[in-house]
Amino acid sequence: MLESGTREIVKSTVPVLAEHGETITRRFYARMFEAHPELRNVFNQAHQAAGEQPHALARAVMAWAEHIDEPQVLEDTVRRIAHKHVSLRVTADQYAIVGEHLLGAMGEVLGEAATPEIVGAWEQAYWELARILIDAEQSLYDEQAAQTGGWTGWRRFRIHSKMPESREITSFELVPEDGGAIPEHRPGQYVSVRMDLLEEGIVQPRQYSLTHPPGSDALRISVKREAGNGAPDGRVSGRLHDALGEGDCVEVSAPAGDFVLPPGEHPLVLVAGGVGITPLLSMLHELDRAGMPRPVTLLHGVREREVRAFTGEIEALRARHPERLKVAVFLEDGDAREPDEYAGRVDPARLAPDMLPPAAEVRVSGPLPFIRDQRDRLTDAGIPPERIFHEVFGPDVL
């Protein structure tokens, strides 16, 4: 635990971080990539270009300052970050590089306001958090290596099959090139897929949820083709869709992630925005394998019917468990034609009472604006905030 004087100095910088945080983090990344260009292979360069990652880091730094007296408040966030770092194969020695350039960026941006006392306090605060993350990540690495079929580092997988799921999403079934076993993942987890982008001279990882049930002899990822909408289209998703086929190989990290199927028999509500259905699909398959031991409601919001993925797969699950699995599909830009369809955004208030039991535990998955909107709607509908858990598709913020 940091000394009280150090914590007070760190807390006193919160207003400065609120004003200058993103300027600091943008300068941090520029400094670090200039000194260590190899780290561009670790960080998602699309998120860098869009400014999403500097924004998320600035929020994380400020949250650490705000809660420096009670770090336990951030336990869930720290655990989520540790899982993401493990999926990217972040190593303990890289924390010294990050610390050097983060503190250096603070000094550059704040100038004379970055007194030796402030910089010294933040150095201690940084290493307090770094040690927590390093320990958590090492524990996860050890756990991965100890699993049957587990591995550390990057492992080559061959694309065994490639199947379109909608106009935007394609599934890839991956088998180990070495012919070995693969570990049993927890439903809701993801892997990182790393690919050479030769035209840019970098290697880029992306996280993709596993959409198959645990215990399979292959990994299945389901990838949305990311349209840039004015920015460059998704580099890795585009190459997977357009350039790779059966027999080609990709590098894959071991399964990670803490957004997983909760234990117990209480009702479960799964809420997906677009491709956010992918981690929830693995949960549904595991519940199916167990005989659907609890009531489940699935809410899936999509722009239009043609981009809805896994329709047949979900319908087959509902046909096997008609009394236990209820489904509602929300079409933002389409007309409701079926009894389970609604026009407009996902809105829990429009559901029949039995589809949103007050004792339900909720898993929400999708882009950050969708998560924020659904948390508000679900709490307004009577679900306590502590029962709502989320998985953000994109850089997370605290």
Protein backbone atom coordinates (compact mmCIF):
# COMPACT_ATOMS: atom_id res chain seq x y z
CA MET A 1 0.00 0.00 0.00
CA LEU A 2 1.30 3.43 -0.89
CA GLU A 3 1.99 5.90 1.91
CA SER A 4 -0.82 8.35 2.62
CA GLY A 5 1.24 11.35 1.49
CA THR A 6 1.91 9.74 -1.87
CA ARG A 7 -1.77 8.92 -2.31
CA GLU A 8 -2.76 12.50 -1.50
CA ILE A 9 -0.39 13.86 -4.14
CA VAL A 10 -1.76 11.44 -6.75
CA LYS A 11 -5.36 12.34 -5.89
CA SER A 12 -4.54 16.04 -6.19
CA THR A 13 -3.71 15.50 -9.87
CA VAL A 14 -7.22 14.31 -10.82
CA PRO A 15 -8.36 17.76 -12.11
CA VAL A 16 -5.19 18.04 -14.19
CA LEU A 17 -5.73 14.56 -15.63
CA ALA A 18 -9.34 15.40 -16.44
CA GLU A 19 -8.11 18.36 -18.51
CA HIS A 20 -4.90 17.00 -20.01
CA GLY A 21 -5.20 13.21 -19.76
CA GLU A 22 -5.70 12.46 -23.44
CA THR A 23 -2.93 14.85 -24.46
CA ILE A 24 -0.63 12.95 -22.09
CA THR A 25 -1.64 9.52 -23.39
CA ARG A 26 -1.37 10.54 -27.04
CA ARG A 27 2.15 11.83 -26.36
CA PHE A 28 2.91 8.65 -24.40
CA TYR A 29 2.09 6.39 -27.35
CA ALA A 30 4.02 8.59 -29.78
CA ARG A 31 7.10 8.53 -27.54
CA MET A 32 6.93 4.81 -26.88
CA PHE A 33 6.43 3.79 -30.52
CA GLU A 34 9.26 6.04 -31.61
CA ALA A 35 11.65 4.48 -29.08
CA HIS A 36 10.27 0.94 -29.38
CA PRO A 37 8.66 0.47 -32.81
CA GLU A 38 8.39 -3.26 -32.13
CA LEU A 39 5.57 -2.49 -29.66
CA ARG A 40 3.38 -1.37 -32.55
CA ASN A 41 2.95 -5.13 -33.05
CA VAL A 42 1.28 -5.42 -29.64
CA PHE A 43 -1.13 -2.48 -29.78
CA ASN A 44 -4.12 -2.27 -32.12
CA GLN A 45 -3.03 0.41 -34.56
CA ALA A 46 -6.59 1.01 -35.79
CA HIS A 47 -7.60 2.00 -32.26
CA GLN A 48 -4.54 4.22 -32.09
CA ALA A 49 -5.43 6.00 -35.32
CA ALA A 50 -9.03 6.53 -34.21
CA GLY A 51 -7.93 7.91 -30.83
CA GLU A 52 -9.89 5.26 -28.98
CA GLN A 53 -6.93 3.72 -27.16
CA PRO A 54 -5.47 7.03 -25.89
CA HIS A 55 -8.95 7.93 -24.63
CA ALA A 56 -9.35 4.61 -22.83
CA LEU A 57 -5.89 4.85 -21.26
CA ALA A 58 -6.52 8.41 -20.09
CA ARG A 59 -9.72 7.25 -18.37
CA ALA A 60 -7.87 4.35 -16.79
CA VAL A 61 -5.09 6.59 -15.43
CA MET A 62 -7.62 9.00 -13.96
CA ALA A 63 -9.62 6.15 -12.40
CA TRP A 64 -6.47 4.84 -10.71
CA ALA A 65 -5.85 8.33 -9.27
CA GLU A 66 -9.45 8.68 -8.11
CA HIS A 67 -9.49 5.29 -6.36
CA ILE A 68 -5.91 5.14 -5.10
CA ASP A 69 -7.22 4.92 -1.50
CA GLU A 70 -9.51 2.00 -2.34
CA PRO A 71 -7.96 0.00 -5.20
CA GLN A 72 -10.32 -2.88 -4.50
CA VAL A 73 -13.02 -0.86 -6.28
CA LEU A 74 -11.13 -1.50 -9.51
CA GLU A 75 -10.62 -5.26 -9.01
CA ASP A 76 -13.02 -6.24 -11.82
CA THR A 77 -11.42 -3.77 -14.21
CA VAL A 78 -7.89 -4.86 -13.31
CA ARG A 79 -8.85 -8.51 -13.85
CA ARG A 80 -10.33 -7.65 -17.27
CA ILE A 81 -7.17 -5.76 -18.26
CA ALA A 82 -4.98 -8.65 -17.11
CA HIS A 83 -6.90 -11.09 -19.30
CA LYS A 84 -6.58 -8.76 -22.31
CA HIS A 85 -2.83 -8.38 -21.70
CA VAL A 86 -2.41 -12.15 -21.48
CA SER A 87 -4.25 -12.61 -24.77
CA LEU A 88 -1.79 -10.16 -26.33
CA ARG A 89 1.21 -11.88 -24.67
CA VAL A 90 2.25 -8.76 -22.73
CA THR A 91 5.41 -9.48 -20.71
CA ALA A 92 6.60 -8.15 -17.36
CA ASP A 93 9.63 -6.40 -18.85
CA GLN A 94 7.39 -4.22 -21.02
CA TYR A 95 6.01 -2.46 -17.94
CA ALA A 96 9.32 -0.64 -17.45
CA ILE A 97 9.06 0.72 -21.00
CA VAL A 98 5.47 1.83 -20.48
CA GLY A 99 6.31 3.47 -17.15
CA GLU A 100 9.26 5.37 -18.57
CA HIS A 101 7.29 6.87 -21.43
CA LEU A 102 4.08 7.51 -19.49
CA LEU A 103 5.95 9.50 -16.85
CA GLY A 104 7.99 11.17 -19.57
CA ALA A 105 4.81 12.22 -21.37
CA MET A 106 3.42 13.66 -18.14
CA GLY A 107 6.54 15.77 -17.76
CA GLU A 108 6.43 16.99 -21.34
CA VAL A 109 2.74 17.91 -21.34
CA LEU A 110 2.49 19.40 -17.86
CA GLY A 111 5.84 21.20 -17.94
CA GLU A 112 6.66 23.01 -14.70
CA ALA A 113 3.45 21.73 -13.13
CA ALA A 114 5.03 18.25 -13.13
CA THR A 115 7.07 18.88 -10.01
CA PRO A 116 9.53 16.28 -8.73
CA GLU A 117 7.04 15.48 -5.96
CA ILE A 118 4.21 14.82 -8.42
CA VAL A 119 6.36 12.77 -10.81
CA GLY A 120 7.79 10.79 -7.89
CA ALA A 121 4.34 10.06 -6.47
CA TRP A 122 3.07 8.96 -9.86
CA GLU A 123 6.08 6.71 -10.37
CA GLN A 124 5.21 4.91 -7.14
CA ALA A 125 1.53 4.78 -8.08
CA TYR A 126 2.35 3.39 -11.52
CA TRP A 127 4.51 0.62 -10.12
CA GLU A 128 1.89 -0.23 -7.51
CA LEU A 129 -0.59 -0.93 -10.32
CA ALA A 130 2.05 -2.55 -12.54
CA ARG A 131 2.95 -5.07 -9.82
CA ILE A 132 -0.73 -5.97 -9.38
CA LEU A 133 -1.09 -6.57 -13.12
CA ILE A 134 2.20 -8.43 -13.49
CA ASP A 135 1.24 -10.83 -10.69
CA ALA A 136 -2.28 -11.35 -12.07
CA GLU A 137 -0.96 -11.96 -15.58
CA GLN A 138 1.69 -14.41 -14.45
CA SER A 139 -0.98 -16.38 -12.62
CA LEU A 140 -3.05 -16.52 -15.82
CA TYR A 141 -0.03 -17.56 -17.91
CA ASP A 142 0.69 -20.35 -15.43
CA GLU A 143 -2.94 -21.47 -15.53
CA GLN A 144 -2.94 -21.57 -19.34
CA ALA A 145 0.28 -23.57 -19.50
CA ALA A 146 -0.98 -26.11 -16.93
CA GLN A 147 -4.18 -26.95 -18.86
CA THR A 148 -4.35 -30.07 -20.98
CA GLY A 149 -3.65 -28.82 -24.48
CA GLY A 150 -2.70 -25.39 -23.11
CA TRP A 151 0.11 -23.24 -24.40
CA THR A 152 1.87 -19.92 -23.92
CA GLY A 153 3.04 -17.59 -26.66
CA TRP A 154 1.60 -17.89 -30.17
CA ARG A 155 0.54 -21.19 -31.73
CA ARG A 156 -0.14 -21.80 -35.42
CA PHE A 157 -3.64 -22.95 -36.35
CA ARG A 158 -4.89 -24.01 -39.77
CA ILE A 159 -8.23 -22.84 -41.13
CA HIS A 160 -10.21 -26.08 -41.41
CA SER A 161 -13.44 -24.50 -42.64
CA LYS A 162 -14.87 -21.08 -43.44
CA MET A 163 -18.62 -20.44 -43.28
CA PRO A 164 -20.62 -17.22 -43.84
CA GLU A 165 -23.06 -16.54 -40.99
CA SER A 166 -24.57 -13.29 -42.30
CA ARG A 167 -23.79 -10.54 -44.77
CA GLU A 168 -21.02 -9.30 -42.43
CA ILE A 169 -19.93 -12.21 -40.22
CA THR A 170 -17.99 -15.33 -41.21
CA SER A 171 -16.99 -18.22 -38.95
CA PHE A 172 -13.56 -19.84 -39.11
CA GLU A 173 -12.93 -23.28 -37.64
CA LEU A 174 -9.28 -23.54 -36.59
CA VAL A 175 -7.29 -26.68 -35.83
CA PRO A 176 -3.73 -26.81 -34.41
CA GLU A 177 -1.11 -27.15 -37.11
CA ASP A 178 0.91 -29.35 -34.72
CA GLY A 179 -1.99 -31.81 -34.42
CA GLY A 180 -2.05 -31.48 -30.63
CA ALA A 181 -4.92 -31.05 -28.21
CA ILE A 182 -6.56 -27.73 -27.34
CA PRO A 183 -7.74 -26.68 -23.87
CA GLU A 184 -11.36 -26.48 -22.79
CA HIS A 185 -12.21 -22.77 -22.70
CA ARG A 186 -14.78 -21.11 -20.46
CA PRO A 187 -17.91 -20.06 -22.41
CA GLY A 188 -17.59 -16.36 -23.23
CA GLN A 189 -13.80 -16.31 -23.60
CA TYR A 190 -11.85 -15.14 -26.64
CA VAL A 191 -8.54 -15.71 -28.37
CA SER A 192 -6.20 -13.29 -30.10
CA VAL A 193 -5.40 -13.92 -33.74
CA ARG A 194 -2.13 -12.42 -35.00
CA MET A 195 -1.41 -11.75 -38.65
CA ASP A 196 1.38 -10.19 -40.71
CA LEU A 197 0.28 -7.04 -42.49
CA LEU A 198 3.14 -7.07 -44.96
CA GLU A 199 2.11 -3.91 -46.77
CA GLU A 200 2.39 -1.98 -43.49
CA GLY A 201 5.43 -3.79 -42.12
CA ILE A 202 3.73 -4.73 -38.84
CA VAL A 203 2.10 -7.69 -37.13
CA GLN A 204 -1.35 -7.05 -35.67
CA PRO A 205 -3.39 -9.00 -33.11
CA ARG A 206 -7.17 -8.92 -32.79
CA GLN A 207 -9.43 -10.55 -30.22
CA TYR A 208 -12.27 -12.79 -31.41
CA SER A 209 -14.77 -14.58 -29.20
CA LEU A 210 -15.00 -18.35 -29.32
CA THR A 211 -18.45 -19.35 -30.53
CA HIS A 212 -18.29 -23.12 -30.05
CA PRO A 213 -19.02 -25.10 -26.87
CA PRO A 214 -16.13 -26.16 -24.62
CA GLY A 215 -14.70 -29.59 -25.28
CA SER A 216 -14.51 -29.28 -29.06
CA ASP A 217 -11.45 -30.45 -30.99
CA ALA A 218 -11.27 -27.17 -32.92
CA LEU A 219 -11.59 -23.47 -32.16
CA ARG A 220 -14.36 -21.52 -33.88
CA ILE A 221 -14.13 -17.74 -34.17
CA SER A 222 -16.79 -15.65 -35.90
CA VAL A 223 -15.44 -12.46 -37.42
CA LYS A 224 -17.30 -9.36 -38.52
CA ARG A 225 -15.92 -7.57 -41.54
CA GLU A 226 -15.16 -4.16 -40.06
CA ALA A 227 -16.17 -1.34 -42.41
CA GLY A 228 -14.24 1.86 -41.84
CA ASN A 229 -17.17 4.23 -42.51
CA GLY A 230 -14.82 6.95 -43.69
CA ALA A 231 -11.72 5.45 -42.03
CA PRO A 232 -9.72 2.48 -43.37
CA ASP A 233 -11.59 -0.83 -43.28
CA GLY A 234 -10.56 -3.41 -40.70
CA ARG A 235 -7.07 -4.65 -41.57
CA VAL A 236 -7.22 -8.08 -39.95
CA SER A 237 -10.93 -8.81 -40.42
CA GLY A 238 -10.69 -7.81 -44.07
CA ARG A 239 -7.78 -10.12 -44.69
CA LEU A 240 -9.51 -13.01 -42.94
CA HIS A 241 -12.63 -12.49 -45.06
CA ASP A 242 -10.95 -11.80 -48.42
CA ALA A 243 -7.47 -13.32 -48.48
CA LEU A 244 -7.48 -16.43 -46.30
CA GLY A 245 -9.25 -19.71 -46.87
CA GLU A 246 -9.21 -23.36 -45.92
CA GLY A 247 -5.65 -24.60 -45.42
CA ASP A 248 -4.16 -21.19 -44.58
CA CYS A 249 -2.62 -20.64 -41.15
CA VAL A 250 -2.86 -17.95 -38.49
CA GLU A 251 -1.19 -17.48 -35.10
CA VAL A 252 -3.45 -17.79 -32.07
CA SER A 253 -3.07 -17.12 -28.34
CA ALA A 254 -4.62 -19.33 -25.66
CA PRO A 255 -8.22 -18.57 -24.58
CA ALA A 256 -8.59 -15.69 -22.12
CA GLY A 257 -11.26 -13.40 -20.73
CA ASP A 258 -13.36 -13.12 -17.56
CA PHE A 259 -16.72 -12.41 -19.24
CA VAL A 260 -17.93 -15.97 -18.77
CA LEU A 261 -21.04 -17.99 -18.09
CA PRO A 262 -21.91 -17.54 -14.41
CA PRO A 263 -22.51 -20.62 -12.25
CA GLY A 264 -25.85 -21.34 -10.63
CA GLU A 265 -29.45 -21.90 -11.68
CA HIS A 266 -30.84 -18.36 -11.40
CA PRO A 267 -32.44 -16.84 -14.53
CA LEU A 268 -30.02 -15.49 -17.11
CA VAL A 269 -30.56 -12.61 -19.53
CA LEU A 270 -28.13 -12.30 -22.45
CA VAL A 271 -28.13 -8.98 -24.32
CA ALA A 272 -26.17 -8.61 -27.57
CA GLY A 273 -25.54 -5.72 -29.91
CA GLY A 274 -24.61 -6.92 -33.39
CA VAL A 275 -21.49 -9.09 -33.36
CA GLY A 276 -21.68 -8.98 -29.56
CA ILE A 277 -23.73 -12.17 -29.94
CA THR A 278 -20.51 -14.19 -30.33
CA PRO A 279 -19.48 -14.75 -26.67
CA LEU A 280 -23.11 -15.29 -25.72
CA LEU A 281 -23.49 -18.01 -28.34
CA SER A 282 -20.80 -20.08 -26.65
CA MET A 283 -22.69 -19.67 -23.35
CA LEU A 284 -25.91 -20.86 -25.01
CA HIS A 285 -24.17 -23.93 -26.40
CA GLU A 286 -22.79 -24.81 -22.97
CA LEU A 287 -26.22 -24.39 -21.38
CA ASP A 288 -27.66 -26.60 -24.13
CA ARG A 289 -25.03 -29.22 -23.40
CA ALA A 290 -26.14 -29.16 -19.73
CA GLY A 291 -29.82 -29.45 -20.63
CA MET A 292 -30.64 -25.72 -20.23
CA PRO A 293 -30.74 -25.89 -16.41
CA ARG A 294 -32.02 -22.31 -15.98
CA PRO A 295 -34.43 -19.95 -17.75
CA VAL A 296 -32.61 -17.88 -20.39
CA THR A 297 -33.70 -14.80 -22.33
CA LEU A 298 -31.67 -13.71 -25.35
CA LEU A 299 -32.05 -10.15 -26.66
CA HIS A 300 -30.24 -9.48 -29.93
CA GLY A 301 -30.14 -6.06 -31.54
CA VAL A 302 -29.09 -5.72 -35.21
CA ARG A 303 -29.32 -2.99 -37.82
CA GLU A 304 -31.38 -5.12 -40.21
CA ARG A 305 -32.42 -8.72 -40.74
CA GLU A 306 -29.69 -9.45 -43.32
CA VAL A 307 -26.86 -8.84 -40.83
CA ARG A 308 -28.28 -11.03 -38.10
CA ALA A 309 -25.92 -14.00 -37.62
CA PHE A 310 -26.52 -17.53 -36.28
CA THR A 311 -30.27 -17.44 -36.89
CA GLY A 312 -30.50 -21.16 -37.64
CA GLU A 313 -28.20 -22.10 -34.78
CA ILE A 314 -30.22 -20.12 -32.24
CA GLU A 315 -33.53 -21.39 -33.60
CA ALA A 316 -32.30 -24.98 -33.21
CA LEU A 317 -31.41 -24.27 -29.57
CA ARG A 318 -34.82 -22.70 -28.94
CA ALA A 319 -36.57 -25.66 -30.56
CA ARG A 320 -34.79 -28.01 -28.16
CA HIS A 321 -35.69 -25.89 -25.11
CA PRO A 322 -38.94 -24.05 -25.93
CA GLU A 323 -39.86 -23.53 -22.28
CA ARG A 324 -36.41 -22.46 -21.09
CA LEU A 325 -35.01 -20.29 -23.90
CA LYS A 326 -36.84 -17.15 -25.02
CA VAL A 327 -35.54 -14.95 -27.84
CA ALA A 328 -36.28 -11.36 -28.85
CA VAL A 329 -34.73 -9.74 -31.94
CA PHE A 330 -34.65 -5.96 -32.30
CA LEU A 331 -34.27 -4.50 -35.81
CA GLU A 332 -33.12 -0.88 -35.86
CA ASP A 333 -33.79 -0.36 -39.57
CA GLY A 334 -36.36 -3.01 -40.31
CA ASP A 335 -40.00 -3.94 -39.81
CA ALA A 336 -40.96 -6.59 -37.29
CA ARG A 337 -42.42 -9.56 -39.18
CA GLU A 338 -42.15 -12.41 -36.71
CA PRO A 339 -43.66 -12.78 -33.20
CA ASP A 340 -40.21 -12.51 -31.59
CA GLU A 341 -39.19 -9.39 -33.57
CA TYR A 342 -39.37 -5.75 -32.50
CA ALA A 343 -38.68 -2.65 -34.57
CA GLY A 344 -36.14 -0.26 -33.04
CA ARG A 345 -33.31 -0.46 -30.52
CA VAL A 346 -33.04 -3.13 -27.85
CA ASP A 347 -35.43 -2.08 -25.11
CA PRO A 348 -35.98 -4.44 -22.15
CA ALA A 349 -39.05 -2.43 -21.11
CA ARG A 350 -40.92 -3.80 -24.14
CA LEU A 351 -40.56 -7.42 -23.02
CA ALA A 352 -43.14 -9.57 -21.29
CA PRO A 353 -42.44 -9.70 -17.52
CA ASP A 354 -41.38 -13.36 -17.60
CA MET A 355 -38.55 -12.51 -20.05
CA LEU A 356 -36.86 -10.15 -17.58
CA PRO A 357 -37.15 -11.66 -14.10
CA PRO A 358 -35.94 -9.31 -11.33
CA ALA A 359 -33.64 -12.04 -9.96
CA ALA A 360 -31.90 -12.48 -13.30
CA GLU A 361 -28.18 -12.11 -13.82
CA VAL A 362 -27.43 -10.19 -17.00
CA ARG A 363 -24.59 -10.43 -19.51
CA VAL A 364 -24.36 -7.55 -22.02
CA SER A 365 -22.02 -7.69 -25.02
CA GLY A 366 -21.40 -5.19 -27.81
CA PRO A 367 -19.81 -1.82 -28.58
CA LEU A 368 -19.37 0.71 -25.78
CA PRO A 369 -22.34 3.00 -26.65
CA PHE A 370 -24.59 -0.08 -26.71
CA ILE A 371 -23.27 -1.20 -23.30
CA ARG A 372 -23.92 2.20 -21.73
CA ASP A 373 -27.41 2.41 -23.20
CA GLN A 374 -28.34 -1.09 -22.05
CA ARG A 375 -27.03 -0.61 -18.52
CA ASP A 376 -29.32 2.42 -18.18
CA ARG A 377 -32.30 0.62 -19.71
CA LEU A 378 -31.82 -2.50 -17.61
CA THR A 379 -31.53 -0.58 -14.34
CA ASP A 380 -34.63 1.43 -15.30
CA ALA A 381 -36.37 -1.92 -15.84
CA GLY A 382 -35.51 -2.99 -12.29
CA ILE A 383 -32.30 -5.00 -12.66
CA PRO A 384 -29.79 -4.04 -9.91
CA PRO A 385 -26.50 -2.70 -11.37
CA GLU A 386 -24.48 -5.34 -9.50
CA ARG A 387 -26.25 -8.05 -11.54
CA ILE A 388 -25.22 -6.53 -14.90
CA PHE A 389 -21.88 -7.62 -16.40
CA HIS A 390 -20.49 -6.53 -19.75
CA GLU A 391 -18.00 -7.26 -22.50
CA VAL A 392 -17.00 -4.28 -24.64
CA PHE A 393 -16.10 -4.86 -28.30
CA GLY A 394 -13.34 -2.27 -28.64
CA PRO A 395 -11.15 -0.41 -26.12
CA ASP A 396 -12.76 -0.53 -22.69
CA VAL A 397 -12.92 2.38 -20.27
CA LEU A 398 -13.27 2.41 -16.52
